[in-house]
C-alpha atoms as a PDB file:
ATOM      1  CA  MET A   1       4.289  -6.250 -11.113  1.00  0.00           C
ATOM      2  CA  PRO A   2       3.611  -9.107  -8.696  1.00  0.00           C
ATOM      3  CA  VAL A   3       5.584  -9.095  -5.478  1.00  0.00           C
ATOM      4  CA  ASP A   4       7.391 -12.245  -4.401  1.00  0.00           C
ATOM      5  CA  THR A   5       6.977 -11.736  -0.660  1.00  0.00           C
ATOM      6  CA  GLN A   6       8.901 -14.846   0.287  1.00  0.00           C
ATOM      7  CA  ALA A   7      11.913 -13.815  -1.817  1.00  0.00           C
ATOM      8  CA  LEU A   8      11.847 -10.378  -0.201  1.00  0.00           C
ATOM      9  CA  ILE A   9      11.740 -11.910   3.280  1.00  0.00           C
ATOM     10  CA  GLU A  10      14.717 -14.129   2.434  1.00  0.00           C
ATOM     11  CA  LYS A  11      16.703 -11.124   1.169  1.00  0.00           C
ATOM     12  CA  ILE A  12      15.966  -9.251   4.384  1.00  0.00           C
ATOM     13  CA  ARG A  13      16.949 -12.254   6.526  1.00  0.00           C
ATOM     14  CA  ALA A  14      20.301 -12.393   4.721  1.00  0.00           C
ATOM     15  CA  LEU A  15      21.142  -8.827   5.767  1.00  0.00           C
ATOM     16  CA  PRO A  16      23.221  -7.937   8.821  1.00  0.00           C
ATOM     17  CA  ASP A  17      21.243  -6.690  11.834  1.00  0.00           C
ATOM     18  CA  ASP A  18      22.109  -3.031  11.270  1.00  0.00           C
ATOM     19  CA  ARG A  19      20.810  -3.203   7.697  1.00  0.00           C
ATOM     20  CA  ILE A  20      17.628  -4.946   8.845  1.00  0.00           C
ATOM     21  CA  ALA A  21      17.069  -2.000  11.193  1.00  0.00           C
ATOM     22  CA  GLU A  22      17.428   0.347   8.207  1.00  0.00           C
ATOM     23  CA  VAL A  23      14.873  -1.684   6.253  1.00  0.00           C
ATOM     24  CA  GLU A  24      12.496  -1.513   9.201  1.00  0.00           C
ATOM     25  CA  ASP A  25      12.929   2.263   9.435  1.00  0.00           C
ATOM     26  CA  PHE A  26      12.236   2.599   5.715  1.00  0.00           C
ATOM     27  CA  VAL A  27       9.109   0.427   5.923  1.00  0.00           C
ATOM     28  CA  ASP A  28       7.889   2.563   8.842  1.00  0.00           C
ATOM     29  CA  PHE A  29       8.516   5.692   6.746  1.00  0.00           C
ATOM     30  CA  ILE A  30       6.552   4.308   3.794  1.00  0.00           C
ATOM     31  CA  ALA A  31       3.671   3.218   6.045  1.00  0.00           C
ATOM     32  CA  THR A  32       3.518   6.651   7.693  1.00  0.00           C
ATOM     33  CA  LYS A  33       3.521   8.351   4.309  1.00  0.00           C
ATOM     34  CA  ALA A  34       0.671   6.095   3.128  1.00  0.00           C
ATOM     35  CA  ARG A  35      -1.393   6.849   6.261  1.00  0.00           C
ATOM     36  CA  ARG A  36      -0.899  10.581   5.769  1.00  0.00           C
ATOM     37  CA  LEU A  37      -1.935  10.404   2.126  1.00  0.00           C
ATOM     38  CA  ASP A  38      -5.009   8.371   3.083  1.00  0.00           C
ATOM     39  CA  ALA A  39      -5.925  10.973   5.710  1.00  0.00           C
ATOM     40  CA  LEU A  40      -5.540  13.754   3.139  1.00  0.00           C
ATOM     41  CA  ASP A  41      -7.723  11.869   0.673  1.00  0.00           C
ATOM     42  CA  ARG A  42     -10.435  11.449   3.344  1.00  0.00           C
ATOM     43  CA  LEU A  43     -10.264  15.137   4.186  1.00  0.00           C
ATOM     44  CA  LEU A  44     -10.504  16.176   0.561  1.00  0.00           C
ATOM     45  CA  ALA A  45     -13.437  13.804   0.070  1.00  0.00           C
ATOM     46  CA  ILE A  46     -15.501  15.565   2.742  1.00  0.00           C
ATOM     47  CA  ALA A  47     -14.482  19.102   1.761  1.00  0.00           C
ATOM     48  CA  PRO A  48     -17.502  19.650  -0.533  1.00  0.00           C
ATOM     49  CA  ALA A  49     -19.878  18.506   2.223  1.00  0.00           C
ATOM     50  CA  LEU A  50     -18.243  20.877   4.700  1.00  0.00           C
ATOM     51  CA  GLU A  51     -18.585  23.749   2.268  1.00  0.00           C
ATOM     52  CA  ALA A  52     -22.228  22.879   1.520  1.00  0.00           C
ATOM     53  CA  ALA A  53     -22.953  22.752   5.258  1.00  0.00           C
ATOM     54  CA  GLY A  54     -21.642  26.273   5.634  1.00  0.00           C
ATOM     55  CA  ALA A  55     -18.550  25.345   7.658  1.00  0.00           C
ATOM     56  CA  PRO A  56     -16.182  28.301   7.850  1.00  0.00           C
ATOM     57  CA  THR A  57     -13.040  28.086   5.774  1.00  0.00           C
ATOM     58  CA  ILE A  58      -9.747  28.136   7.621  1.00  0.00           C
ATOM     59  CA  THR A  59      -6.411  29.534   6.561  1.00  0.00           C
ATOM     60  CA  GLU A  60      -3.179  27.614   6.112  1.00  0.00           C
ATOM     61  CA  GLY A  61      -1.901  29.386   9.214  1.00  0.00           C
ATOM     62  CA  GLU A  62      -4.843  28.111  11.244  1.00  0.00           C
ATOM     63  CA  ILE A  63      -4.250  24.595   9.939  1.00  0.00           C
ATOM     64  CA  ALA A  64      -0.549  24.824  10.817  1.00  0.00           C
ATOM     65  CA  ALA A  65      -1.403  26.018  14.325  1.00  0.00           C
ATOM     66  CA  GLU A  66      -3.847  23.150  14.798  1.00  0.00           C
ATOM     67  CA  VAL A  67      -1.304  20.599  13.582  1.00  0.00           C
ATOM     68  CA  LYS A  68       1.323  22.090  15.894  1.00  0.00           C
ATOM     69  CA  ALA A  69      -1.037  21.846  18.864  1.00  0.00           C
ATOM     70  CA  VAL A  70      -1.914  18.210  18.135  1.00  0.00           C
ATOM     71  CA  ARG A  71       1.751  17.289  17.767  1.00  0.00           C
ATOM     72  CA  ALA A  72       2.589  19.010  21.063  1.00  0.00           C
ATOM     73  CA  THR A  73      -0.193  17.071  22.791  1.00  0.00           C
ATOM     74  CA  ARG A  74       1.090  13.785  21.348  1.00  0.00           C
ATOM     75  CA  ARG A  75       4.651  14.584  22.419  1.00  0.00           C
ATOM     76  CA  SER A  76       3.561  15.390  25.958  1.00  0.00           C
ATOM     77  CA  ARG A  77       1.494  12.186  26.154  1.00  0.00           C
ATOM     78  CA  SER A  78       4.414  10.191  24.806  1.00  0.00           C
ATOM     79  CA  ALA A  79       6.795  11.789  27.300  1.00  0.00           C
ATOM     80  CA  GLY A  80       4.371  10.995  30.125  1.00  0.00           C
ATOM     81  CA  ALA A  81       4.138   7.372  29.001  1.00  0.00           C
ATOM     82  CA  ASP A  82       7.936   7.119  28.914  1.00  0.00           C
ATOM     83  CA  CYS A  83       8.112   8.224  32.560  1.00  0.00           C
ATOM     84  CA  SER A  84       5.694   5.492  33.720  1.00  0.00           C
END
């Protein structure tokens, strides 16, 4: 289904400011979801090469811990940037 971008822009422009903010939040959500799915696809694409190279497998718990650590680092960096 082709997208009429101009018609969509006009519909958004016709909305009140608070609704435009909601649209922006939703677009950000969709973009984030797409980036995460792309990252997962890239990871799954290299999984066979990692296995063939003898890389050790990691558990879901180890993955969760790694994700938690990265998120904590990002939060602390973001908090530091907010203080500048």
